[in-house]
Protein backbone atom coordinates (compact mmCIF):
# COMPACT_ATOMS: atom_id res chain seq x y z
CA MET A 1 0.00 0.00 0.00
CA SER A 2 1.00 3.60 -0.58
CA LEU A 3 -0.57 7.04 -0.48
CA LEU A 4 -1.27 6.70 -4.20
CA ASP A 5 -3.12 3.44 -3.52
CA TRP A 6 -5.15 5.20 -0.84
CA CYS A 7 -5.96 7.98 -3.28
CA GLU A 8 -7.11 5.51 -5.90
CA ALA A 9 -9.26 3.80 -3.25
CA GLY A 10 -10.89 7.16 -2.42
CA LEU A 11 -9.56 7.35 1.14
CA ILE A 12 -7.58 10.55 0.49
CA GLN A 13 -7.39 13.01 -2.38
CA GLN A 14 -4.61 14.74 -4.24
CA HIS A 15 -3.72 18.16 -2.95
CA GLU A 16 -1.29 20.88 -4.01
CA PRO A 17 0.89 21.63 -0.97
CA LYS A 18 1.34 25.27 -0.08
CA LYS A 19 4.00 26.69 2.22
CA GLU A 20 1.47 28.83 4.10
CA GLU A 21 -0.74 25.81 4.77
CA ILE A 22 2.13 23.69 6.12
CA GLU A 23 3.42 26.55 8.26
CA ASN A 24 -0.09 27.17 9.65
CA LEU A 25 -0.54 23.51 10.56
CA LEU A 26 2.82 23.46 12.32
CA LYS A 27 2.01 26.73 14.09
CA MET A 28 -1.29 25.25 15.27
CA ALA A 29 0.56 22.21 16.59
CA ASP A 30 3.09 24.42 18.39
CA GLU A 31 0.34 26.55 19.94
CA ASP A 32 -1.62 23.48 21.01
CA LEU A 33 1.50 21.95 22.58
CA ALA A 34 2.03 25.18 24.53
CA ARG A 35 -1.63 25.25 25.61
CA CYS A 36 -1.77 21.64 26.79
CA SER A 37 1.08 22.41 29.17
CA LEU A 38 -0.97 24.95 31.14
CA LYS A 39 -1.44 23.77 34.71
CA ARG A 40 -4.96 25.12 35.10
CA LEU A 41 -6.43 22.93 32.34
CA LEU A 42 -8.37 19.79 33.16
CA THR A 43 -6.63 16.55 32.27
CA ASP A 44 -9.22 15.72 29.58
CA TRP A 45 -8.60 19.02 27.82
CA LYS A 46 -4.83 18.65 27.96
CA PHE A 47 -5.23 15.27 26.29
CA ILE A 48 -7.64 16.59 23.64
CA ILE A 49 -5.41 19.56 22.84
CA ALA A 50 -2.31 17.33 22.56
CA TYR A 51 -4.26 14.99 20.27
CA THR A 52 -5.18 17.98 18.10
CA ALA A 53 -1.49 18.93 17.88
CA ALA A 54 -0.61 15.41 16.74
CA LEU A 55 -3.40 15.51 14.15
CA ALA A 56 -2.11 18.84 12.79
CA CYS A 57 1.34 17.28 12.38
CA ALA A 58 -0.12 14.30 10.53
CA ASN A 59 -2.08 16.62 8.24
CA ALA A 60 1.04 18.72 7.57
CA ALA A 61 3.01 15.64 6.52
CA LEU A 62 0.15 14.38 4.37
CA ALA A 63 -0.28 17.79 2.69
CA ALA A 64 3.46 18.09 2.03
CA SER A 65 3.25 14.70 0.31
CA GLY A 66 0.58 16.07 -2.04
CA TYR A 67 -2.55 14.66 -0.41
CA ARG A 68 -5.25 15.47 2.10
CA THR A 69 -7.96 13.53 3.85
CA ARG A 70 -11.50 13.39 2.61
CA ASN A 71 -14.00 14.67 5.15
CA ASP A 72 -16.43 11.89 4.32
CA ARG A 73 -13.93 9.06 4.88
CA SER A 74 -12.66 8.94 8.50
CA PRO A 75 -10.36 11.97 8.22
CA HIS A 76 -8.73 11.63 11.65
CA GLU A 77 -8.15 7.90 11.28
CA ASN A 78 -6.71 8.28 7.80
CA ALA A 79 -4.50 11.25 8.70
CA LEU A 80 -2.95 9.31 11.58
CA ASP A 81 -2.57 6.13 9.52
CA SER A 82 -0.88 8.11 6.74
CA LEU A 83 2.09 8.68 9.06
CA ARG A 84 3.33 5.20 8.13
CA PHE A 85 3.78 6.43 4.53
CA THR A 86 4.98 9.97 5.22
CA ILE A 87 7.42 9.88 8.15
CA GLN A 88 7.48 6.05 8.33
CA LEU A 89 6.03 6.03 11.85
CA SER A 90 5.96 2.54 13.35
CA ASP A 91 2.79 0.46 13.34
CA ARG A 92 3.00 0.31 17.13
CA ARG A 93 3.03 4.11 17.46
CA ILE A 94 0.18 4.45 14.96
CA ALA A 95 -1.84 1.89 16.91
CA LYS A 96 -1.29 3.99 20.05
CA LEU A 97 -2.42 7.12 18.21
CA GLN A 98 -5.53 5.30 16.95
CA HIS A 99 -6.28 4.14 20.49
CA PHE A 100 -5.96 7.72 21.66
CA ARG A 101 -8.18 8.89 18.79
CA LYS A 102 -10.97 6.72 20.19
CA LYS A 103 -10.29 7.93 23.74
CA ARG A 104 -10.39 11.52 22.52
CA HIS A 105 -13.80 10.96 20.93
CA SER A 106 -15.14 9.48 24.14
CA ALA A 107 -13.64 12.20 26.35
CA HIS A 108 -14.85 14.97 24.07
CA TYR A 109 -18.35 13.75 23.31
CA GLU A 110 -19.40 11.09 25.79
CA LEU A 111 -17.59 10.79 29.12
CA ALA A 112 -16.04 13.76 30.89
CA GLY A 113 -13.28 12.99 33.35
CA SER A 114 -12.30 9.74 31.64
CA ILE A 115 -8.65 10.62 30.92
CA SER A 116 -6.02 9.94 33.57
CA MET A 117 -3.02 12.18 34.11
CA THR A 118 -0.77 9.32 32.92
CA VAL A 119 -2.65 8.98 29.63
CA SER A 120 -2.73 12.74 29.14
CA ASP A 121 1.01 13.01 29.76
CA GLU A 122 1.65 10.17 27.30
CA MET A 123 -0.42 11.89 24.60
CA ILE A 124 1.47 15.14 25.19
CA ALA A 125 4.83 13.33 24.89
CA ILE A 126 3.75 11.59 21.68
CA ALA A 127 2.51 14.86 20.18
CA ARG A 128 5.81 16.59 21.02
CA GLU A 129 7.78 13.73 19.50
CA LEU A 130 5.60 13.76 16.40
CA ARG A 131 6.03 17.52 16.00
CA GLN A 132 9.80 17.12 16.17
CA ASN A 133 9.82 14.19 13.73
CA VAL A 134 7.52 15.88 11.21
CA GLY A 135 9.58 19.09 11.42
CA ALA A 136 12.82 17.19 10.74
CA TRP A 137 11.19 15.19 7.94
CA LEU A 138 9.89 18.36 6.28
CA ALA A 139 13.28 20.07 6.62
CA GLU A 140 14.96 17.13 4.93
CA LEU A 141 12.49 16.34 2.14
CA TYR A 142 10.43 19.50 1.66
CA PRO A 143 12.54 22.46 2.86
CA GLY A 144 10.70 24.85 0.54
CA LEU A 145 7.45 24.23 2.43
CA ILE A 146 8.69 25.48 5.78
CA GLY A 147 10.14 28.79 7.01
């Protein structure tokens, strides 16, 4: 499988990457990572904000590769899964992100107070690592798309 295969299957669509778009996604991730570190936030919100930062990183890598998710086809799931093709993220790490995607949905829409401090801290660490990895990957392969 490849991103092209996914495109042909209708899971994602071709997209012309723009420097401003990539920079905005990375800026959103950076701002979210700063926000989720605020002490006054509830644990659930720290987790949700860190998840959003990770998702922005995944979307930046996907866009730089010339694709974007389709809103009608599991956009969060596909953006996170695409990390195996963009930055070659391990299946284990992607499985963890997918697990957290489901937890985020539950915490955001169904069950307040369901995220432990340990889980929140893990999501924050993964999002920070992902931001660093995507930034390095972009600098190496797509330097014209970042400042």
